[in-house]
Amino acid sequence: MPSPNDDRIEELLAEYRDAREQAVETRRRINEVQATATAPRQVVKVTVGAQGQLAALEFPTAAYRNLPPKELSKVITATFERARTQALSKASEVTLGRLLGGVSTADLLQGRVDPSSLLPEELELPDAVRAYVEHELGGTKEGADHE
């Protein structure tokens, strides 16, 4: 005979699965983020990924040839920083309001946190609860003692 809590348990499990799917989808969307910045006079064009990694460095024109090495280095660095800031901003927009368990956006963006580790695919449940959920059986005192 079904318990009055059956519907609530199913609802909670569905919410958990949805939260886990959202976390995995958020990570996928973050991995797709890129931003590109171009220096004045198209000296250099830099593309950066969500974690601040350099994805591409291009010289769209020959303008870089007219710059002394130190100045070219400064232009590349400044353009990289603009692209990195844009990429981190875009990635933050993806995660806004979606972080779980107090995880910071920076940790998620830097790849220090795997969202699937926050919400494992299988829940750790006591044997009695797992049996109840899987077989629609009511938990018994004896089954609860086996945790």
Protein backbone atom coordinates (compact mmCIF):
# COMPACT_ATOMS: atom_id res chain seq x y z
CA MET A 1 0.00 0.00 0.00
CA PRO A 2 1.50 3.34 -1.01
CA SER A 3 2.46 5.74 1.73
CA PRO A 4 1.19 9.35 1.78
CA ASN A 5 4.85 10.37 1.42
CA ASP A 6 5.35 8.57 -1.91
CA ASP A 7 4.47 11.63 -3.99
CA ARG A 8 6.73 13.89 -1.92
CA ILE A 9 9.66 11.48 -2.19
CA GLU A 10 9.24 11.27 -5.95
CA GLU A 11 9.00 15.07 -6.12
CA LEU A 12 12.22 15.50 -4.10
CA LEU A 13 14.07 12.98 -6.27
CA ALA A 14 12.89 14.79 -9.41
CA GLU A 15 14.07 18.13 -7.97
CA TYR A 16 17.46 16.58 -7.21
CA ARG A 17 17.81 15.22 -10.75
CA ASP A 18 16.83 18.62 -12.18
CA ALA A 19 19.38 20.44 -10.00
CA ARG A 20 22.11 18.03 -11.05
CA GLU A 21 21.25 18.43 -14.73
CA GLN A 22 21.32 22.23 -14.34
CA ALA A 23 24.78 22.06 -12.76
CA VAL A 24 26.15 19.91 -15.57
CA GLU A 25 24.52 22.15 -18.20
CA THR A 26 25.98 25.26 -16.54
CA ARG A 27 29.47 23.74 -16.68
CA ARG A 28 28.96 22.88 -20.36
CA ARG A 29 27.86 26.46 -21.12
CA ILE A 30 30.85 27.87 -19.22
CA ASN A 31 33.21 25.69 -21.25
CA GLU A 32 31.79 27.24 -24.44
CA VAL A 33 32.40 30.84 -23.35
CA GLN A 34 35.01 32.80 -25.28
CA ALA A 35 35.73 36.49 -25.69
CA THR A 36 37.85 38.30 -28.24
CA ALA A 37 39.53 41.69 -27.97
CA THR A 38 41.35 43.56 -30.70
CA ALA A 39 44.02 46.18 -30.04
CA PRO A 40 43.85 49.62 -31.66
CA ARG A 41 45.00 49.64 -35.29
CA GLN A 42 44.40 45.87 -35.27
CA VAL A 43 47.89 45.25 -33.98
CA VAL A 44 46.76 42.04 -32.27
CA LYS A 45 43.58 40.05 -31.73
CA VAL A 46 43.29 37.83 -28.65
CA THR A 47 40.66 35.20 -27.86
CA VAL A 48 40.34 33.88 -24.32
CA GLY A 49 38.27 31.05 -22.79
CA ALA A 50 36.07 31.13 -19.70
CA GLN A 51 38.90 30.16 -17.36
CA GLY A 52 41.17 32.91 -18.68
CA GLN A 53 43.14 30.57 -20.93
CA LEU A 54 44.53 31.86 -24.21
CA ALA A 55 42.55 30.31 -27.07
CA ALA A 56 43.97 32.31 -30.01
CA LEU A 57 46.52 35.02 -30.73
CA GLU A 58 46.33 36.63 -34.15
CA PHE A 59 47.96 39.50 -35.98
CA PRO A 60 45.23 40.65 -38.39
CA THR A 61 47.45 43.26 -40.06
CA ALA A 62 51.14 43.95 -40.38
CA ALA A 63 50.87 46.84 -37.89
CA TYR A 64 52.71 44.81 -35.22
CA ARG A 65 55.88 45.00 -37.32
CA ASN A 66 56.13 48.76 -36.69
CA LEU A 67 56.22 48.37 -32.89
CA PRO A 68 59.32 47.88 -30.77
CA PRO A 69 59.23 44.53 -28.90
CA LYS A 70 58.50 46.10 -25.49
CA GLU A 71 55.57 48.09 -26.85
CA LEU A 72 54.23 45.07 -28.75
CA SER A 73 54.45 43.05 -25.53
CA LYS A 74 52.45 45.71 -23.66
CA VAL A 75 49.79 45.80 -26.40
CA ILE A 76 49.47 42.00 -26.37
CA THR A 77 49.23 41.90 -22.56
CA ALA A 78 46.64 44.70 -22.39
CA THR A 79 44.55 43.11 -25.16
CA PHE A 80 44.75 39.72 -23.44
CA GLU A 81 43.55 41.28 -20.16
CA ARG A 82 40.58 42.93 -21.91
CA ALA A 83 39.59 39.63 -23.51
CA ARG A 84 40.06 37.76 -20.22
CA THR A 85 37.89 40.24 -18.32
CA GLN A 86 35.17 39.93 -20.98
CA ALA A 87 35.30 36.11 -20.87
CA LEU A 88 35.08 36.01 -17.08
CA SER A 89 32.15 38.43 -17.20
CA LYS A 90 30.33 36.25 -19.75
CA ALA A 91 30.99 33.14 -17.67
CA SER A 92 29.71 34.88 -14.55
CA GLU A 93 26.46 35.67 -16.38
CA VAL A 94 26.07 31.95 -17.13
CA THR A 95 26.46 31.02 -13.45
CA LEU A 96 24.52 33.89 -11.92
CA GLY A 97 21.99 32.44 -9.51
CA ARG A 98 22.92 28.84 -10.27
CA LEU A 99 25.68 28.06 -7.82
CA LEU A 100 25.20 25.18 -5.43
CA GLY A 101 26.56 24.47 -2.00
CA GLY A 102 28.22 27.86 -1.57
CA VAL A 103 30.60 27.27 -4.48
CA SER A 104 32.08 30.52 -5.71
CA THR A 105 31.84 31.53 -9.35
CA ALA A 106 35.63 31.86 -9.42
CA ASP A 107 36.16 28.26 -8.27
CA LEU A 108 33.71 27.03 -10.87
CA LEU A 109 35.29 29.14 -13.61
CA GLN A 110 38.82 28.12 -12.68
CA GLY A 111 37.83 24.47 -12.93
CA ARG A 112 38.55 23.81 -9.25
CA VAL A 113 35.05 22.41 -8.73
CA ASP A 114 33.33 19.66 -10.69
CA PRO A 115 29.57 20.24 -10.43
CA SER A 116 28.85 16.54 -10.74
CA SER A 117 30.82 16.02 -7.51
CA LEU A 118 28.45 18.40 -5.73
CA LEU A 119 25.47 16.42 -6.90
CA PRO A 120 26.46 12.80 -7.45
CA GLU A 121 24.42 10.82 -9.93
CA GLU A 122 23.30 8.35 -7.27
CA LEU A 123 22.09 9.52 -3.89
CA GLU A 124 23.57 7.98 -0.76
CA LEU A 125 20.49 6.61 0.98
CA PRO A 126 20.10 4.24 3.92
CA ASP A 127 19.15 0.73 2.76
CA ALA A 128 15.60 1.02 4.12
CA VAL A 129 14.96 4.30 2.28
CA ARG A 130 16.52 2.98 -0.95
CA ALA A 131 14.35 -0.15 -0.77
CA TYR A 132 11.29 2.00 -0.15
CA VAL A 133 12.05 4.26 -3.10
CA GLU A 134 13.04 1.49 -5.52
CA HIS A 135 10.34 -1.00 -4.59
CA GLU A 136 7.61 1.28 -3.23
CA LEU A 137 7.88 -0.47 0.12
CA GLY A 138 7.34 1.20 3.48
CA GLY A 139 10.46 1.38 5.66
CA THR A 140 10.49 -0.76 8.76
CA LYS A 141 12.24 -0.21 12.04
CA GLU A 142 14.39 -3.26 11.36
CA GLY A 143 15.39 -1.92 7.90
CA ALA A 144 16.25 1.49 9.37
CA ASP A 145 18.62 -0.15 11.90
CA HIS A 146 20.87 -1.36 9.06
CA GLU A 147 22.15 2.12 8.11
